[in-house]
C-alpha atoms as a PDB file:
ATOM      1  CA  MET A   1      82.163  94.853 111.890  1.00  0.00           C
ATOM      2  CA  THR A   2      85.049  95.396 114.315  1.00  0.00           C
ATOM      3  CA  ARG A   3      87.881  92.879 114.176  1.00  0.00           C
ATOM      4  CA  ASP A   4      89.894  91.748 117.184  1.00  0.00           C
ATOM      5  CA  LEU A   5      93.383  92.018 115.685  1.00  0.00           C
ATOM      6  CA  THR A   6      94.935  93.817 112.730  1.00  0.00           C
ATOM      7  CA  THR A   7      98.084  92.702 110.910  1.00  0.00           C
ATOM      8  CA  CYS A   8     100.802  95.161 109.887  1.00  0.00           C
ATOM      9  CA  SER A   9     103.451  95.369 107.186  1.00  0.00           C
ATOM     10  CA  THR A  10     105.924  97.950 105.937  1.00  0.00           C
ATOM     11  CA  HIS A  11     107.857  98.688 102.761  1.00  0.00           C
ATOM     12  CA  VAL A  12     110.899 100.985 102.712  1.00  0.00           C
ATOM     13  CA  LEU A  13     112.303 102.449  99.521  1.00  0.00           C
ATOM     14  CA  ASP A  14     115.583 104.348  99.247  1.00  0.00           C
ATOM     15  CA  ALA A  15     114.245 107.295  97.254  1.00  0.00           C
ATOM     16  CA  ALA A  16     117.725 108.719  96.650  1.00  0.00           C
ATOM     17  CA  LEU A  17     118.975 105.586  94.894  1.00  0.00           C
ATOM     18  CA  GLY A  18     115.631 104.317  93.603  1.00  0.00           C
ATOM     19  CA  VAL A  19     115.980 100.869  95.207  1.00  0.00           C
ATOM     20  CA  PRO A  20     114.429  98.948  98.109  1.00  0.00           C
ATOM     21  CA  ALA A  21     116.040  99.590 101.496  1.00  0.00           C
ATOM     22  CA  ALA A  22     117.202  96.037 102.264  1.00  0.00           C
ATOM     23  CA  GLY A  23     118.555  95.170 105.711  1.00  0.00           C
ATOM     24  CA  LEU A  24     116.997  98.118 107.569  1.00  0.00           C
ATOM     25  CA  GLY A  25     116.133  97.375 111.205  1.00  0.00           C
ATOM     26  CA  VAL A  26     112.531  98.096 112.251  1.00  0.00           C
ATOM     27  CA  ARG A  27     110.863  97.817 115.652  1.00  0.00           C
ATOM     28  CA  LEU A  28     107.089  97.572 116.195  1.00  0.00           C
ATOM     29  CA  ALA A  29     105.830  98.806 119.592  1.00  0.00           C
ATOM     30  CA  ASP A  30     102.517  99.410 121.323  1.00  0.00           C
ATOM     31  CA  ALA A  31     101.328 102.541 123.158  1.00  0.00           C
ATOM     32  CA  THR A  32     103.306 101.670 126.300  1.00  0.00           C
ATOM     33  CA  GLY A  33     106.520 101.332 124.294  1.00  0.00           C
ATOM     34  CA  ALA A  34     106.568  97.560 124.691  1.00  0.00           C
ATOM     35  CA  VAL A  35     108.336  96.015 121.699  1.00  0.00           C
ATOM     36  CA  LEU A  36     105.984  93.617 119.915  1.00  0.00           C
ATOM     37  CA  ALA A  37     108.389  92.594 117.129  1.00  0.00           C
ATOM     38  CA  GLU A  38     111.737  93.454 115.562  1.00  0.00           C
ATOM     39  CA  ALA A  39     112.925  92.562 112.080  1.00  0.00           C
ATOM     40  CA  GLU A  40     115.052  93.695 109.155  1.00  0.00           C
ATOM     41  CA  THR A  41     113.639  94.516 105.757  1.00  0.00           C
ATOM     42  CA  ASP A  42     114.089  91.810 103.142  1.00  0.00           C
ATOM     43  CA  ASP A  43     115.763  92.262  99.735  1.00  0.00           C
ATOM     44  CA  ASP A  44     112.610  94.023  98.501  1.00  0.00           C
ATOM     45  CA  GLY A  45     112.570  96.399 101.518  1.00  0.00           C
ATOM     46  CA  ARG A  46     109.551  94.676 103.085  1.00  0.00           C
ATOM     47  CA  ILE A  47     108.540  93.259 106.467  1.00  0.00           C
ATOM     48  CA  ARG A  48     105.284  91.567 107.401  1.00  0.00           C
ATOM     49  CA  PHE A  49     104.989  91.465 111.182  1.00  0.00           C
ATOM     50  CA  ASP A  50     103.573  88.318 112.789  1.00  0.00           C
ATOM     51  CA  PRO A  51     101.757  89.657 115.845  1.00  0.00           C
ATOM     52  CA  GLY A  52      98.201  90.849 115.428  1.00  0.00           C
ATOM     53  CA  LEU A  53      97.645  94.357 116.763  1.00  0.00           C
ATOM     54  CA  ALA A  54      94.879  95.324 119.144  1.00  0.00           C
ATOM     55  CA  PRO A  55      93.156  98.672 118.616  1.00  0.00           C
ATOM     56  CA  GLY A  56      95.127 101.678 119.843  1.00  0.00           C
ATOM     57  CA  PRO A  57      98.288 103.631 119.069  1.00  0.00           C
ATOM     58  CA  HIS A  58     101.421 101.881 117.801  1.00  0.00           C
ATOM     59  CA  THR A  59     104.801 102.915 116.407  1.00  0.00           C
ATOM     60  CA  LEU A  60     107.266 101.669 113.865  1.00  0.00           C
ATOM     61  CA  ARG A  61     110.849 102.770 114.560  1.00  0.00           C
ATOM     62  CA  PHE A  62     113.145 102.578 111.544  1.00  0.00           C
ATOM     63  CA  GLU A  63     116.875 102.493 112.430  1.00  0.00           C
ATOM     64  CA  THR A  64     117.874 104.744 109.543  1.00  0.00           C
ATOM     65  CA  GLY A  65     121.074 106.141 111.054  1.00  0.00           C
ATOM     66  CA  ALA A  66     122.702 102.743 111.496  1.00  0.00           C
ATOM     67  CA  TRP A  67     121.533 101.702 108.021  1.00  0.00           C
ATOM     68  CA  PHE A  68     123.009 104.766 106.294  1.00  0.00           C
ATOM     69  CA  ALA A  69     126.204 104.556 108.398  1.00  0.00           C
ATOM     70  CA  ALA A  70     126.703 100.903 107.383  1.00  0.00           C
ATOM     71  CA  ALA A  71     126.676 102.066 103.752  1.00  0.00           C
ATOM     72  CA  ASP A  72     129.053 104.953 104.596  1.00  0.00           C
ATOM     73  CA  ARG A  73     126.422 107.513 103.576  1.00  0.00           C
ATOM     74  CA  ASP A  74     125.918 110.885 105.214  1.00  0.00           C
ATOM     75  CA  HIS A  75     122.493 111.265 106.841  1.00  0.00           C
ATOM     76  CA  PHE A  76     120.489 113.523 109.131  1.00  0.00           C
ATOM     77  CA  HIS A  77     117.920 111.388 110.990  1.00  0.00           C
ATOM     78  CA  PRO A  78     119.333 108.807 113.453  1.00  0.00           C
ATOM     79  CA  HIS A  79     115.968 107.039 113.291  1.00  0.00           C
ATOM     80  CA  VAL A  80     112.480 107.594 111.935  1.00  0.00           C
ATOM     81  CA  GLU A  81     109.525 106.857 114.182  1.00  0.00           C
ATOM     82  CA  VAL A  82     106.089 106.597 112.621  1.00  0.00           C
ATOM     83  CA  ALA A  83     103.102 106.640 114.960  1.00  0.00           C
ATOM     84  CA  PHE A  84      99.807 105.206 113.728  1.00  0.00           C
ATOM     85  CA  GLU A  85      96.421 104.266 115.105  1.00  0.00           C
ATOM     86  CA  VAL A  86      94.905 100.798 114.828  1.00  0.00           C
ATOM     87  CA  THR A  87      91.119 101.067 114.853  1.00  0.00           C
ATOM     88  CA  GLY A  88      90.262  97.397 114.463  1.00  0.00           C
ATOM     89  CA  GLU A  89      88.125  98.225 111.427  1.00  0.00           C
ATOM     90  CA  GLN A  90      90.665  96.941 108.888  1.00  0.00           C
ATOM     91  CA  PRO A  91      92.192  93.474 108.828  1.00  0.00           C
ATOM     92  CA  HIS A  92      95.578  94.834 107.643  1.00  0.00           C
ATOM     93  CA  LEU A  93      97.574  98.083 107.778  1.00  0.00           C
ATOM     94  CA  HIS A  94     100.519  98.817 105.496  1.00  0.00           C
ATOM     95  CA  VAL A  95     102.868 101.638 106.535  1.00  0.00           C
ATOM     96  CA  ALA A  96     105.237 102.698 103.756  1.00  0.00           C
ATOM     97  CA  LEU A  97     108.385 104.800 104.101  1.00  0.00           C
ATOM     98  CA  LEU A  98     110.188 106.668 101.312  1.00  0.00           C
ATOM     99  CA  LEU A  99     113.660 107.373 102.633  1.00  0.00           C
ATOM    100  CA  SER A 100     116.571 109.575 101.640  1.00  0.00           C
ATOM    101  CA  PRO A 101     119.586 110.670 103.694  1.00  0.00           C
ATOM    102  CA  PHE A 102     118.072 114.052 104.626  1.00  0.00           C
ATOM    103  CA  ALA A 103     114.302 113.555 104.323  1.00  0.00           C
ATOM    104  CA  TYR A 104     111.533 110.984 104.511  1.00  0.00           C
ATOM    105  CA  THR A 105     107.874 110.587 103.654  1.00  0.00           C
ATOM    106  CA  THR A 106     105.466 108.063 105.069  1.00  0.00           C
ATOM    107  CA  TYR A 107     101.951 107.051 104.118  1.00  0.00           C
ATOM    108  CA  ARG A 108      99.331 104.386 104.719  1.00  0.00           C
ATOM    109  CA  GLY A 109      99.524 102.031 101.779  1.00  0.00           C
ATOM    110  CA  SER A 110      97.333  99.173 100.693  1.00  0.00           C
END
């Protein structure tokens, strides 16, 4: 059964310090680049976005440079942009990010 809209959440962990990445700015956009939502991660490094997503490509842009700079930490990536595809087959997508000053890993969580 195909669903009309899919919800989306993210969780960011500071892998270098072993703690959630609280206060990190994240922007959710559609295929045209239109911003659907913007938020900052909570104390646990999480955001659950309100808008439902139609099928198609989307991106999450994590403002990592500003976040590291605010903590006076050296870093390499000014931002991390994760592209993902919404198929409409799942009611929810969770996009996780493991972050360090000079590397990152992302995966589809549950």
